[in-house]
Amino acid sequence: MKTFLLICLLPLPLLADAPKKPLPSRYTSLHTSSPFTTPAPIIQTTAPVVNPLEDWVLGGVTKFPDGYFVILMNKKKPEEKTIIQPGMHSEFEVLEVEDGGMDYTATTVKLRYGSSQGTVSFDKKMLTVKTPDQGQSQENRQPGQPPGVGGNPGGPNGPQPRLRTIAPPTGGQPQFPSRR
């Protein structure tokens, strides 16, 4: 019986047709609706959004019971400063303060200016104290003065420094207590 089944099943593959190549239109829907082959939609932007807080750096932050006292300095004009006080009207509004812990330069303040929001932080370049030019102090130095000491503190028309003098003792010889 096994041989009979074997003889009956052997001619079946010989009667099958050769495989045919599928038409390309069969896979068109897969190609067009695939997220990997679909081009990204083009988003048109009118103009880049300018953050008005890019020109400002943090000068100082202090926490008060009713809010934060914040000092902002302008990067382009260092002499221009803005102070935000709690309870006072200002063009800037403090939204959030992230404390930097022991490193105060890591502190950031999230602000609102009109309808835009931004974050300002400390800039180490703006926090350094500017020293006078070394060449200028050499020019103002008077002869006989050690380096690093400036010239006339009052200038040519200003007050002159006071000279220290010690008054000589009055009378003849100094008197010492006698030992007896």
N, C-alpha and C. Protein backbone atom coordinates (compact mmCIF):
# COMPACT_ATOMS: atom_id res chain seq x y z
N MET A 1 0.81 -1.17 0.00
CA MET A 1 0.00 0.00 0.00
C MET A 1 0.86 1.25 0.00
N LYS A 2 1.98 1.17 0.68
CA LYS A 2 2.88 2.31 0.71
C LYS A 2 3.44 2.57 -0.68
N THR A 3 3.74 1.57 -1.35
CA THR A 3 4.30 1.75 -2.67
C THR A 3 3.26 2.31 -3.63
N PHE A 4 2.04 1.95 -3.44
CA PHE A 4 0.98 2.46 -4.28
C PHE A 4 0.82 3.97 -4.09
N LEU A 5 0.83 4.42 -2.85
CA LEU A 5 0.71 5.86 -2.57
C LEU A 5 1.90 6.61 -3.13
N LEU A 6 3.04 6.05 -3.01
CA LEU A 6 4.25 6.68 -3.49
C LEU A 6 4.21 6.82 -5.01
N ILE A 7 3.73 5.84 -5.66
CA ILE A 7 3.63 5.87 -7.12
C ILE A 7 2.59 6.88 -7.55
N CYS A 8 1.53 7.06 -6.82
CA CYS A 8 0.46 8.01 -7.18
C CYS A 8 0.90 9.45 -6.94
N LEU A 9 1.69 9.72 -5.90
CA LEU A 9 2.06 11.09 -5.55
C LEU A 9 3.27 11.61 -6.32
N LEU A 10 4.10 10.77 -6.86
CA LEU A 10 5.28 11.22 -7.58
C LEU A 10 4.95 12.02 -8.84
N PRO A 11 3.99 11.71 -9.64
CA PRO A 11 3.77 12.49 -10.87
C PRO A 11 3.11 13.84 -10.63
N LEU A 12 2.58 14.12 -9.42
CA LEU A 12 1.88 15.40 -9.19
C LEU A 12 2.80 16.61 -9.38
N PRO A 13 4.01 16.68 -8.84
CA PRO A 13 4.86 17.86 -9.09
C PRO A 13 5.25 17.98 -10.56
N LEU A 14 5.27 16.93 -11.26
CA LEU A 14 5.64 17.01 -12.67
C LEU A 14 4.55 17.66 -13.50
N LEU A 15 3.34 17.66 -13.03
CA LEU A 15 2.23 18.25 -13.77
C LEU A 15 2.07 19.74 -13.50
N ALA A 16 2.77 20.31 -12.48
CA ALA A 16 2.62 21.74 -12.10
C ALA A 16 3.31 22.63 -13.13
N ASP A 17 2.80 23.86 -13.27
CA ASP A 17 3.39 24.85 -14.19
C ASP A 17 4.60 25.52 -13.52
N ALA A 18 5.43 26.12 -14.30
CA ALA A 18 6.59 26.86 -13.79
C ALA A 18 6.10 28.14 -13.11
N PRO A 19 6.81 28.62 -12.08
CA PRO A 19 6.38 29.84 -11.40
C PRO A 19 6.48 31.05 -12.34
N LYS A 20 5.55 31.97 -12.20
CA LYS A 20 5.53 33.16 -13.04
C LYS A 20 5.93 34.37 -12.19
N LYS A 21 6.62 35.30 -12.80
CA LYS A 21 7.04 36.53 -12.12
C LYS A 21 5.81 37.39 -11.89
N PRO A 22 5.60 37.90 -10.63
CA PRO A 22 4.41 38.73 -10.39
C PRO A 22 4.53 40.08 -11.10
N LEU A 23 3.41 40.66 -11.41
CA LEU A 23 3.37 41.97 -12.06
C LEU A 23 3.82 43.05 -11.06
N PRO A 24 4.53 44.07 -11.51
CA PRO A 24 4.99 45.15 -10.59
C PRO A 24 3.84 45.91 -9.95
N SER A 25 2.71 45.98 -10.60
CA SER A 25 1.57 46.70 -10.03
C SER A 25 1.02 46.03 -8.77
N ARG A 26 1.38 44.77 -8.56
CA ARG A 26 0.89 44.05 -7.38
C ARG A 26 1.44 44.71 -6.09
N TYR A 27 2.65 45.26 -6.10
CA TYR A 27 3.28 45.81 -4.90
C TYR A 27 3.29 47.35 -4.87
N THR A 28 2.61 47.98 -5.80
CA THR A 28 2.59 49.43 -5.86
C THR A 28 1.96 50.05 -4.62
N SER A 29 0.91 49.46 -4.13
CA SER A 29 0.24 50.02 -2.94
C SER A 29 1.14 49.95 -1.71
N LEU A 30 1.95 48.89 -1.60
CA LEU A 30 2.88 48.80 -0.47
C LEU A 30 3.95 49.89 -0.55
N HIS A 31 4.40 50.15 -1.75
CA HIS A 31 5.46 51.14 -1.93
C HIS A 31 4.95 52.56 -1.66
N THR A 32 3.77 52.88 -2.13
CA THR A 32 3.27 54.25 -1.99
C THR A 32 2.78 54.56 -0.59
N SER A 33 2.30 53.60 0.15
CA SER A 33 1.78 53.87 1.50
C SER A 33 2.78 53.55 2.61
N SER A 34 4.00 53.19 2.28
CA SER A 34 5.01 52.86 3.28
C SER A 34 5.56 54.13 3.93
N PRO A 35 5.71 54.15 5.26
CA PRO A 35 6.28 55.35 5.91
C PRO A 35 7.77 55.49 5.62
N PHE A 36 8.42 54.43 5.13
CA PHE A 36 9.85 54.49 4.86
C PHE A 36 10.17 55.03 3.47
N THR A 37 9.24 54.93 2.55
CA THR A 37 9.49 55.40 1.19
C THR A 37 8.72 56.66 0.86
N THR A 38 7.80 57.09 1.72
CA THR A 38 7.03 58.29 1.47
C THR A 38 7.89 59.51 1.80
N PRO A 39 8.02 60.46 0.92
CA PRO A 39 8.81 61.64 1.24
C PRO A 39 8.13 62.46 2.34
N ALA A 40 8.97 63.09 3.17
CA ALA A 40 8.45 63.89 4.28
C ALA A 40 7.74 65.12 3.73
N PRO A 41 6.67 65.52 4.38
CA PRO A 41 5.97 66.71 3.89
C PRO A 41 6.86 67.94 4.06
N ILE A 42 6.78 68.87 3.14
CA ILE A 42 7.58 70.08 3.18
C ILE A 42 6.85 71.12 4.02
N ILE A 43 7.53 71.56 5.08
CA ILE A 43 6.95 72.56 5.97
C ILE A 43 7.57 73.90 5.60
N GLN A 44 6.73 74.84 5.25
CA GLN A 44 7.23 76.15 4.85
C GLN A 44 7.27 77.06 6.08
N THR A 45 8.44 77.65 6.30
CA THR A 45 8.57 78.60 7.39
C THR A 45 8.67 79.99 6.80
N THR A 46 8.03 80.93 7.44
CA THR A 46 8.03 82.29 6.91
C THR A 46 9.33 83.00 7.26
N ALA A 47 9.70 82.99 8.54
CA ALA A 47 10.94 83.64 8.97
C ALA A 47 11.40 82.96 10.25
N PRO A 48 12.69 82.95 10.51
CA PRO A 48 13.15 82.34 11.75
C PRO A 48 12.66 83.16 12.95
N VAL A 49 12.28 82.46 13.99
CA VAL A 49 11.78 83.11 15.19
C VAL A 49 12.98 83.63 15.99
N VAL A 50 12.96 84.91 16.28
CA VAL A 50 14.05 85.53 17.03
C VAL A 50 13.65 85.57 18.50
N ASN A 51 14.49 84.99 19.33
CA ASN A 51 14.23 85.00 20.76
C ASN A 51 14.76 86.31 21.32
N PRO A 52 13.92 87.15 21.92
CA PRO A 52 14.41 88.42 22.44
C PRO A 52 15.30 88.26 23.66
N LEU A 53 15.34 87.07 24.24
CA LEU A 53 16.15 86.84 25.43
C LEU A 53 17.56 86.38 25.10
N GLU A 54 17.91 86.25 23.80
CA GLU A 54 19.25 85.82 23.42
C GLU A 54 20.30 86.87 23.77
N ASP A 55 19.90 88.14 23.83
CA ASP A 55 20.84 89.21 24.12
C ASP A 55 21.04 89.43 25.61
N TRP A 56 20.37 88.68 26.45
CA TRP A 56 20.42 88.91 27.90
C TRP A 56 21.10 87.74 28.60
N VAL A 57 21.86 88.06 29.66
CA VAL A 57 22.47 87.05 30.52
C VAL A 57 22.06 87.36 31.95
N LEU A 58 22.22 86.37 32.79
CA LEU A 58 21.85 86.49 34.19
C LEU A 58 22.96 87.20 34.94
N GLY A 59 22.60 88.22 35.71
CA GLY A 59 23.58 88.94 36.52
C GLY A 59 23.49 88.54 37.98
N GLY A 60 22.33 88.10 38.42
CA GLY A 60 22.15 87.68 39.80
C GLY A 60 20.72 87.26 40.05
N VAL A 61 20.54 86.36 41.03
CA VAL A 61 19.21 85.88 41.41
C VAL A 61 19.17 85.76 42.92
N THR A 62 18.11 86.27 43.53
CA THR A 62 17.91 86.14 44.97
C THR A 62 16.47 85.75 45.20
N LYS A 63 16.27 84.80 46.09
CA LYS A 63 14.91 84.35 46.40
C LYS A 63 14.37 85.14 47.58
N PHE A 64 13.17 85.67 47.40
CA PHE A 64 12.45 86.35 48.46
C PHE A 64 11.19 85.56 48.75
N PRO A 65 10.53 85.81 49.89
CA PRO A 65 9.31 85.04 50.20
C PRO A 65 8.21 85.20 49.15
N ASP A 66 8.14 86.35 48.49
CA ASP A 66 7.06 86.56 47.53
C ASP A 66 7.51 86.43 46.07
N GLY A 67 8.73 85.94 45.82
CA GLY A 67 9.19 85.74 44.45
C GLY A 67 10.70 85.82 44.34
N TYR A 68 11.17 86.10 43.14
CA TYR A 68 12.61 86.16 42.87
C TYR A 68 13.00 87.56 42.43
N PHE A 69 14.14 88.01 42.92
CA PHE A 69 14.77 89.26 42.50
C PHE A 69 15.84 88.87 41.49
N VAL A 70 15.69 89.32 40.24
CA VAL A 70 16.57 88.89 39.15
C VAL A 70 17.20 90.12 38.50
N ILE A 71 18.50 90.03 38.25
CA ILE A 71 19.22 91.08 37.53
C ILE A 71 19.63 90.51 36.17
N LEU A 72 19.25 91.21 35.10
CA LEU A 72 19.60 90.81 33.74
C LEU A 72 20.55 91.84 33.15
N MET A 73 21.58 91.36 32.45
CA MET A 73 22.54 92.25 31.79
C MET A 73 22.48 91.99 30.29
N ASN A 74 22.60 93.06 29.51
CA ASN A 74 22.59 92.95 28.06
C ASN A 74 23.99 92.57 27.60
N LYS A 75 24.10 91.55 26.74
CA LYS A 75 25.41 91.10 26.24
C LYS A 75 26.06 92.16 25.36
N LYS A 76 25.28 92.81 24.52
CA LYS A 76 25.82 93.77 23.57
C LYS A 76 26.13 95.11 24.23
N LYS A 77 25.35 95.48 25.23
CA LYS A 77 25.56 96.73 25.96
C LYS A 77 25.68 96.40 27.45
N PRO A 78 26.88 96.08 27.95
CA PRO A 78 27.03 95.65 29.34
C PRO A 78 26.57 96.67 30.37
N GLU A 79 26.53 97.95 30.00
CA GLU A 79 26.08 98.95 30.96
C GLU A 79 24.56 98.95 31.12
N GLU A 80 23.84 98.31 30.20
CA GLU A 80 22.37 98.23 30.27
C GLU A 80 21.96 97.03 31.12
N LYS A 81 21.22 97.32 32.19
CA LYS A 81 20.77 96.26 33.09
C LYS A 81 19.27 96.41 33.33
N THR A 82 18.62 95.29 33.57
CA THR A 82 17.20 95.28 33.90
C THR A 82 17.03 94.52 35.20
N ILE A 83 16.25 95.08 36.10
CA ILE A 83 16.02 94.46 37.40
C ILE A 83 14.55 94.04 37.48
N ILE A 84 14.34 92.78 37.83
CA ILE A 84 12.98 92.25 38.00
C ILE A 84 12.78 92.05 39.50
N GLN A 85 11.84 92.79 40.06
CA GLN A 85 11.56 92.70 41.49
C GLN A 85 10.21 92.04 41.69
N PRO A 86 10.08 91.21 42.73
CA PRO A 86 8.77 90.60 42.98
C PRO A 86 7.76 91.67 43.38
N GLY A 87 6.58 91.59 42.81
CA GLY A 87 5.51 92.53 43.11
C GLY A 87 5.57 93.81 42.30
N MET A 88 6.61 94.00 41.49
CA MET A 88 6.75 95.21 40.67
C MET A 88 6.49 94.84 39.21
N HIS A 89 5.88 95.77 38.46
CA HIS A 89 5.59 95.53 37.04
C HIS A 89 6.89 95.62 36.25
N SER A 90 7.10 94.66 35.35
CA SER A 90 8.27 94.62 34.50
C SER A 90 7.89 94.02 33.16
N GLU A 91 8.69 94.32 32.13
CA GLU A 91 8.42 93.73 30.82
C GLU A 91 8.77 92.25 30.80
N PHE A 92 9.58 91.81 31.76
CA PHE A 92 9.94 90.40 31.89
C PHE A 92 9.15 89.79 33.06
N GLU A 93 8.80 88.52 32.92
CA GLU A 93 8.10 87.81 33.99
C GLU A 93 8.86 86.50 34.27
N VAL A 94 9.16 86.27 35.56
CA VAL A 94 9.88 85.07 35.96
C VAL A 94 8.89 83.91 36.01
N LEU A 95 9.15 82.86 35.22
CA LEU A 95 8.28 81.68 35.20
C LEU A 95 8.82 80.58 36.10
N GLU A 96 10.14 80.35 36.02
CA GLU A 96 10.73 79.23 36.76
C GLU A 96 12.21 79.51 36.98
N VAL A 97 12.71 79.08 38.14
CA VAL A 97 14.13 79.21 38.45
C VAL A 97 14.67 77.83 38.79
N GLU A 98 15.72 77.42 38.08
CA GLU A 98 16.38 76.14 38.38
C GLU A 98 17.68 76.46 39.08
N ASP A 99 17.75 76.08 40.35
CA ASP A 99 18.91 76.39 41.18
C ASP A 99 20.08 75.50 40.79
N GLY A 100 21.26 76.09 40.69
CA GLY A 100 22.46 75.35 40.33
C GLY A 100 23.15 74.72 41.52
N GLY A 101 22.61 74.89 42.72
CA GLY A 101 23.23 74.30 43.91
C GLY A 101 24.48 75.07 44.30
N MET A 102 25.56 74.35 44.55
CA MET A 102 26.80 74.98 44.99
C MET A 102 27.45 75.79 43.87
N ASP A 103 27.21 75.45 42.63
CA ASP A 103 27.75 76.19 41.50
C ASP A 103 26.67 77.17 41.03
N TYR A 104 26.80 78.43 41.46
CA TYR A 104 25.78 79.41 41.12
C TYR A 104 25.71 79.69 39.63
N THR A 105 26.79 79.42 38.89
CA THR A 105 26.77 79.70 37.45
C THR A 105 25.90 78.70 36.69
N ALA A 106 25.49 77.61 37.34
CA ALA A 106 24.61 76.63 36.70
C ALA A 106 23.13 77.00 36.87
N THR A 107 22.84 78.09 37.57
CA THR A 107 21.47 78.53 37.77
C THR A 107 20.91 79.09 36.47
N THR A 108 19.67 78.70 36.15
CA THR A 108 18.99 79.22 34.96
C THR A 108 17.63 79.76 35.36
N VAL A 109 17.17 80.76 34.63
CA VAL A 109 15.87 81.38 34.89
C VAL A 109 15.06 81.36 33.60
N LYS A 110 13.85 80.83 33.68
CA LYS A 110 12.95 80.81 32.53
C LYS A 110 12.08 82.05 32.63
N LEU A 111 12.10 82.88 31.57
CA LEU A 111 11.40 84.15 31.57
C LEU A 111 10.39 84.23 30.44
N ARG A 112 9.43 85.12 30.61
CA ARG A 112 8.48 85.43 29.55
C ARG A 112 8.65 86.91 29.22
N TYR A 113 8.82 87.18 27.93
CA TYR A 113 8.93 88.55 27.44
C TYR A 113 7.87 88.72 26.37
N GLY A 114 6.80 89.38 26.71
CA GLY A 114 5.67 89.50 25.78
C GLY A 114 5.03 88.14 25.58
N SER A 115 4.99 87.67 24.33
CA SER A 115 4.39 86.37 24.05
C SER A 115 5.44 85.27 23.91
N SER A 116 6.72 85.62 23.97
CA SER A 116 7.76 84.62 23.81
C SER A 116 8.37 84.25 25.16
N GLN A 117 8.89 83.05 25.22
CA GLN A 117 9.54 82.54 26.42
C GLN A 117 10.97 82.15 26.09
N GLY A 118 11.82 82.20 27.10
CA GLY A 118 13.20 81.81 26.90
C GLY A 118 13.89 81.60 28.23
N THR A 119 15.09 81.09 28.16
CA THR A 119 15.88 80.80 29.35
C THR A 119 17.16 81.61 29.30
N VAL A 120 17.50 82.22 30.43
CA VAL A 120 18.76 82.95 30.54
C VAL A 120 19.60 82.29 31.63
N SER A 121 20.91 82.38 31.46
CA SER A 121 21.82 81.79 32.44
C SER A 121 23.03 82.71 32.59
N PHE A 122 23.90 82.38 33.52
CA PHE A 122 25.10 83.16 33.75
C PHE A 122 26.08 82.95 32.60
N ASP A 123 26.82 84.00 32.26
CA ASP A 123 27.89 83.93 31.28
C ASP A 123 29.17 84.33 32.00
N LYS A 124 30.13 83.42 32.08
CA LYS A 124 31.34 83.68 32.84
C LYS A 124 32.14 84.85 32.29
N LYS A 125 32.03 85.12 30.99
CA LYS A 125 32.73 86.27 30.41
C LYS A 125 32.18 87.58 30.96
N MET A 126 30.87 87.62 31.19
CA MET A 126 30.24 88.85 31.66
C MET A 126 30.46 89.06 33.16
N LEU A 127 30.82 88.01 33.89
CA LEU A 127 30.98 88.12 35.33
C LEU A 127 32.38 88.51 35.76
N THR A 128 33.35 88.51 34.84
CA THR A 128 34.72 88.84 35.23
C THR A 128 34.87 90.34 35.41
N VAL A 129 35.73 90.72 36.36
CA VAL A 129 36.00 92.13 36.62
C VAL A 129 37.12 92.56 35.69
N LYS A 130 36.91 93.65 34.99
CA LYS A 130 37.91 94.13 34.05
C LYS A 130 38.95 94.94 34.81
N THR A 131 40.24 94.61 34.61
CA THR A 131 41.32 95.32 35.27
C THR A 131 41.85 96.39 34.34
N PRO A 132 42.44 97.47 34.90
CA PRO A 132 42.99 98.50 34.02
C PRO A 132 44.16 97.95 33.22
N ASP A 133 44.40 98.58 32.10
CA ASP A 133 45.46 98.14 31.20
C ASP A 133 46.81 98.28 31.89
N GLN A 134 47.65 97.26 31.78
CA GLN A 134 48.95 97.24 32.46
C GLN A 134 49.84 98.36 31.94
N GLY A 135 49.81 98.68 30.66
CA GLY A 135 50.63 99.73 30.10
C GLY A 135 50.27 101.10 30.65
N GLN A 136 49.01 101.32 30.93
CA GLN A 136 48.57 102.60 31.46
C GLN A 136 49.13 102.82 32.86
N SER A 137 49.17 101.78 33.70
CA SER A 137 49.67 101.96 35.06
C SER A 137 51.17 102.21 35.04
N GLN A 138 51.89 101.70 34.05
CA GLN A 138 53.32 101.95 33.95
C GLN A 138 53.59 103.41 33.59
N GLU A 139 52.74 104.00 32.74
CA GLU A 139 52.92 105.39 32.35
C GLU A 139 52.67 106.33 33.51
N ASN A 140 51.69 106.02 34.36
CA ASN A 140 51.32 106.90 35.47
C ASN A 140 52.24 106.74 36.67
N ARG A 141 53.11 105.77 36.64
CA ARG A 141 53.96 105.51 37.79
C ARG A 141 55.03 106.58 37.88
N GLN A 142 55.26 107.07 39.11
CA GLN A 142 56.30 108.07 39.33
C GLN A 142 57.63 107.37 39.54
N PRO A 143 58.75 108.04 39.24
CA PRO A 143 60.05 107.42 39.47
C PRO A 143 60.25 107.10 40.94
N GLY A 144 60.81 105.94 41.19
CA GLY A 144 61.06 105.52 42.57
C GLY A 144 59.94 104.71 43.17
N GLN A 145 58.79 104.62 42.50
CA GLN A 145 57.69 103.83 43.02
C GLN A 145 57.85 102.39 42.54
N PRO A 146 57.46 101.43 43.38
CA PRO A 146 57.53 100.04 42.94
C PRO A 146 56.49 99.75 41.87
N PRO A 147 56.70 98.70 41.05
CA PRO A 147 55.70 98.35 40.04
C PRO A 147 54.39 97.95 40.70
N GLY A 148 53.30 98.26 40.01
CA GLY A 148 51.98 97.91 40.53
C GLY A 148 51.35 99.03 41.32
N VAL A 149 52.14 100.07 41.66
CA VAL A 149 51.60 101.21 42.39
C VAL A 149 51.34 102.30 41.37
N GLY A 150 50.13 102.85 41.38
CA GLY A 150 49.77 103.86 40.40
C GLY A 150 50.49 105.16 40.67
N GLY A 151 50.29 106.11 39.78
CA GLY A 151 50.93 107.42 39.91
C GLY A 151 50.19 108.28 40.90
N ASN A 152 50.03 109.50 40.57
CA ASN A 152 49.38 110.47 41.43
C ASN A 152 47.90 110.11 41.56
N PRO A 153 47.41 109.80 42.79
CA PRO A 153 46.02 109.36 42.91
C PRO A 153 45.01 110.43 42.57
N GLY A 154 45.35 111.68 42.76
CA GLY A 154 44.39 112.73 42.48
C GLY A 154 44.52 113.30 41.10
N GLY A 155 45.51 112.89 40.36
CA GLY A 155 45.73 113.44 39.04
C GLY A 155 46.56 114.71 39.16
N PRO A 156 46.82 115.38 38.05
CA PRO A 156 47.67 116.56 38.11
C PRO A 156 47.02 117.72 38.86
N ASN A 157 45.69 117.84 38.83
CA ASN A 157 45.02 118.94 39.50
C ASN A 157 44.33 118.51 40.79
N GLY A 158 44.44 117.26 41.13
CA GLY A 158 43.73 116.75 42.30
C GLY A 158 44.54 116.94 43.58
N PRO A 159 44.01 116.46 44.70
CA PRO A 159 44.72 116.61 45.97
C PRO A 159 45.99 115.77 46.00
N GLN A 160 47.00 116.32 46.61
CA GLN A 160 48.28 115.63 46.72
C GLN A 160 48.24 114.72 47.95
N PRO A 161 48.97 113.59 47.92
CA PRO A 161 48.98 112.72 49.10
C PRO A 161 49.70 113.43 50.26
N ARG A 162 49.23 113.14 51.47
CA ARG A 162 49.79 113.78 52.66
C ARG A 162 51.11 113.11 53.01
N LEU A 163 52.13 113.92 53.29
CA LEU A 163 53.42 113.40 53.71
C LEU A 163 53.40 113.15 55.20
N ARG A 164 53.89 112.04 55.62
CA ARG A 164 53.94 111.70 57.04
C ARG A 164 55.24 112.22 57.63
N THR A 165 55.14 112.93 58.72
CA THR A 165 56.33 113.42 59.42
C THR A 165 56.23 113.08 60.89
N ILE A 166 57.38 112.96 61.52
CA ILE A 166 57.43 112.69 62.96
C ILE A 166 58.05 113.92 63.61
N ALA A 167 57.36 114.45 64.60
CA ALA A 167 57.85 115.66 65.29
C ALA A 167 59.06 115.30 66.15
N PRO A 168 60.11 116.14 66.11
CA PRO A 168 61.28 115.85 66.96
C PRO A 168 60.92 116.05 68.43
N PRO A 169 61.62 115.32 69.34
CA PRO A 169 61.31 115.49 70.76
C PRO A 169 61.71 116.88 71.23
N THR A 170 60.94 117.40 72.14
CA THR A 170 61.23 118.73 72.69
C THR A 170 62.13 118.60 73.90
N GLY A 171 62.94 119.56 74.11
CA GLY A 171 63.80 119.56 75.28
C GLY A 171 65.17 118.98 74.94
N GLY A 172 66.00 118.88 75.96
CA GLY A 172 67.37 118.45 75.77
C GLY A 172 67.50 116.95 75.62
N GLN A 173 67.83 116.33 76.76
CA GLN A 173 68.07 114.90 76.71
C GLN A 173 66.83 114.13 77.15
N PRO A 174 66.71 112.96 76.61
CA PRO A 174 65.56 112.14 77.04
C PRO A 174 65.73 111.75 78.49
N GLN A 175 64.66 111.66 79.19
CA GLN A 175 64.71 111.33 80.60
C GLN A 175 64.29 109.88 80.76
N PHE A 176 65.16 109.14 81.42
CA PHE A 176 64.87 107.73 81.71
C PHE A 176 64.63 107.60 83.19
N PRO A 177 63.78 106.70 83.59
CA PRO A 177 63.57 106.51 85.04
C PRO A 177 64.84 105.92 85.67
N SER A 178 65.15 106.39 86.79
CA SER A 178 66.37 105.91 87.47
C SER A 178 66.11 104.59 88.18
N ARG A 179 67.19 103.81 88.27
CA ARG A 179 67.03 102.54 88.96
C ARG A 179 67.68 102.64 90.31
N ARG A 180 67.02 102.57 91.31
CA ARG A 180 67.58 102.59 92.65
C ARG A 180 67.11 101.47 93.46
